């Protein structure tokens, strides 16, 4: 059988869970995830688990936060004066919003704190600082 090697394009079904068992993402009911192994299209810890697998193989991959979305960056949190936020924008903690950088890049942010004076936004990935577990099944290999 053909084994996955760096540069191959693969398709996998997966379920991603946190250490407490909560599912954060899954391909169930959707097309398999397709990516090129070693290209940086997915998190490093999951990418590194692919070489050597064969179609039909299943495995559980433990990915520490450093090999997933990294540690939260305190510099990615920003407090904005409340009067600078339009009244029609929801500001409840946990709300996901999008901001635009001066260069035009769209950045997803989460409202993490609200006071009478300011709203604190966090641009860290929601899974930053978390260890992840993936149940994966290799369904296809397209050789490089």
Protein backbone atom coordinates (compact mmCIF):
# COMPACT_ATOMS: atom_id res chain seq x y z
CA UNK A 1 0.00 0.00 0.00
CA UNK A 2 1.04 3.59 -0.57
CA UNK A 3 2.15 5.53 2.48
CA UNK A 4 1.77 9.28 2.97
CA UNK A 5 4.89 11.32 2.42
CA UNK A 6 5.61 15.03 2.62
CA UNK A 7 4.21 16.80 -0.43
CA UNK A 8 1.28 14.41 -0.92
CA UNK A 9 -2.24 15.78 -0.82
CA UNK A 10 -4.41 13.83 1.60
CA UNK A 11 -8.05 13.75 2.67
CA UNK A 12 -8.93 12.89 6.26
CA UNK A 13 -12.00 12.62 8.40
CA UNK A 14 -11.36 13.91 11.90
CA UNK A 15 -12.86 14.83 15.24
CA UNK A 16 -10.96 17.33 17.38
CA UNK A 17 -11.48 17.37 21.13
CA UNK A 18 -10.15 19.28 24.11
CA UNK A 19 -8.57 17.53 27.10
CA UNK A 20 -11.96 17.61 28.87
CA UNK A 21 -13.49 15.62 25.99
CA UNK A 22 -15.48 18.51 24.46
CA UNK A 23 -15.52 18.42 20.64
CA UNK A 24 -14.35 21.69 19.04
CA UNK A 25 -14.48 20.58 15.39
CA UNK A 26 -15.33 17.58 13.26
CA UNK A 27 -15.67 16.61 9.61
CA UNK A 28 -18.70 14.42 10.43
CA UNK A 29 -21.44 15.11 7.90
CA UNK A 30 -19.04 17.08 5.69
CA UNK A 31 -16.48 16.32 3.02
CA UNK A 32 -13.11 15.14 4.35
CA UNK A 33 -10.48 17.79 5.08
CA UNK A 34 -8.00 18.04 2.18
CA UNK A 35 -4.50 19.46 2.55
CA UNK A 36 -0.93 19.06 1.34
CA UNK A 37 1.28 17.35 3.91
CA UNK A 38 4.16 19.55 5.05
CA UNK A 39 2.82 22.73 3.46
CA UNK A 40 1.75 24.48 6.68
CA UNK A 41 -1.95 24.38 5.77
CA UNK A 42 -2.87 22.73 9.09
CA UNK A 43 -1.45 22.86 12.62
CA UNK A 44 2.08 21.41 12.86
CA UNK A 45 1.28 18.63 15.36
CA UNK A 46 -1.41 17.13 13.14
CA UNK A 47 0.63 17.60 9.96
CA UNK A 48 3.57 15.72 11.51
CA UNK A 49 1.34 12.70 12.25
CA UNK A 50 0.49 12.07 8.58
CA UNK A 51 3.67 10.62 6.99
CA UNK A 52 3.65 6.83 7.01
CA UNK A 53 -0.14 6.47 7.19
CA UNK A 54 -1.99 4.38 4.59
CA UNK A 55 -5.56 4.76 3.28
CA UNK A 56 -7.94 3.35 5.88
CA UNK A 57 -5.54 3.91 8.78
CA UNK A 58 -7.05 5.47 11.91
CA UNK A 59 -5.16 6.99 14.81
CA UNK A 60 -5.50 9.28 17.77
CA UNK A 61 -3.08 12.21 17.69
CA UNK A 62 -2.30 14.19 20.87
CA UNK A 63 -1.21 17.71 19.93
CA UNK A 64 0.29 19.93 22.65
CA UNK A 65 -0.63 23.61 22.45
CA UNK A 66 2.87 24.52 21.22
CA UNK A 67 2.26 22.33 18.13
CA UNK A 68 -1.31 23.61 17.68
CA UNK A 69 -2.18 27.30 18.08
CA UNK A 70 0.61 28.20 20.52
CA UNK A 71 0.33 30.04 23.79
CA UNK A 72 -1.93 33.07 24.16
CA UNK A 73 -0.09 36.31 23.37
CA UNK A 74 -0.88 39.04 25.91
CA UNK A 75 -0.09 41.61 23.20
CA UNK A 76 -3.06 40.30 21.18
CA UNK A 77 -5.45 41.78 23.76
CA UNK A 78 -6.47 45.39 23.30
CA UNK A 79 -8.71 47.71 25.30
CA UNK A 80 -10.73 50.14 23.21
CA UNK A 81 -12.58 53.18 24.60
CA UNK A 82 -16.26 52.30 24.67
CA UNK A 83 -17.25 55.47 22.80
CA UNK A 84 -15.22 54.27 19.77
CA UNK A 85 -17.46 51.21 19.36
CA UNK A 86 -20.67 51.86 17.38
CA UNK A 87 -23.84 51.30 19.43
CA UNK A 88 -25.14 48.63 17.01
CA UNK A 89 -22.10 46.36 17.57
CA UNK A 90 -22.79 43.60 20.15
CA UNK A 91 -20.36 43.81 23.07
CA UNK A 92 -21.31 40.93 25.36
CA UNK A 93 -18.27 38.92 26.56
CA UNK A 94 -17.72 35.92 24.29
CA UNK A 95 -19.05 37.71 21.20
CA UNK A 96 -16.94 37.08 18.08
CA UNK A 97 -16.28 40.18 15.97
CA UNK A 98 -14.00 41.12 13.09
CA UNK A 99 -11.63 44.07 12.99
CA UNK A 100 -9.60 45.42 10.11
CA UNK A 101 -5.93 46.31 10.43
CA UNK A 102 -4.59 49.53 8.86
CA UNK A 103 -3.22 47.27 6.08
CA UNK A 104 -6.75 45.98 5.35
CA UNK A 105 -6.32 42.51 6.87
CA UNK A 106 -9.42 41.16 8.62
CA UNK A 107 -8.70 39.84 12.12
CA UNK A 108 -11.22 37.83 14.16
CA UNK A 109 -11.48 39.00 17.78
CA UNK A 110 -13.46 38.00 20.84
CA UNK A 111 -14.96 40.40 23.39
CA UNK A 112 -13.40 39.33 26.71
CA UNK A 113 -14.22 42.18 29.09
CA UNK A 114 -16.59 45.13 29.17
CA UNK A 115 -16.56 48.06 31.59
CA UNK A 116 -18.30 51.45 31.52
CA UNK A 117 -15.11 52.95 30.02
CA UNK A 118 -13.71 50.30 27.69
CA UNK A 119 -14.16 47.04 25.80
CA UNK A 120 -11.29 44.54 25.77
CA UNK A 121 -10.85 42.47 22.62
CA UNK A 122 -8.69 39.37 22.23
CA UNK A 123 -7.22 38.46 18.82
CA UNK A 124 -5.67 35.18 20.04
CA UNK A 125 -7.01 32.06 18.35
CA UNK A 126 -9.79 30.61 20.55
CA UNK A 127 -7.76 27.38 20.91
CA UNK A 128 -4.48 29.12 21.85
CA UNK A 129 -2.98 27.56 24.97
CA UNK A 130 -5.03 24.38 24.67
CA UNK A 131 -3.79 20.84 24.14
CA UNK A 132 -5.83 19.10 21.43
CA UNK A 133 -6.69 15.51 20.53
CA UNK A 134 -7.62 14.41 17.02
CA UNK A 135 -9.26 11.13 16.01
CA UNK A 136 -8.33 10.84 12.35
CA UNK A 137 -8.97 8.46 9.47
CA UNK A 138 -7.02 8.71 6.22
CA UNK A 139 -9.47 8.35 3.33
CA UNK A 140 -7.36 9.31 0.30
CA UNK A 141 -3.78 9.99 -0.82
CA UNK A 142 -3.00 11.97 -3.97
CA UNK A 143 0.71 11.37 -4.50
CA UNK A 144 2.92 14.39 -5.13
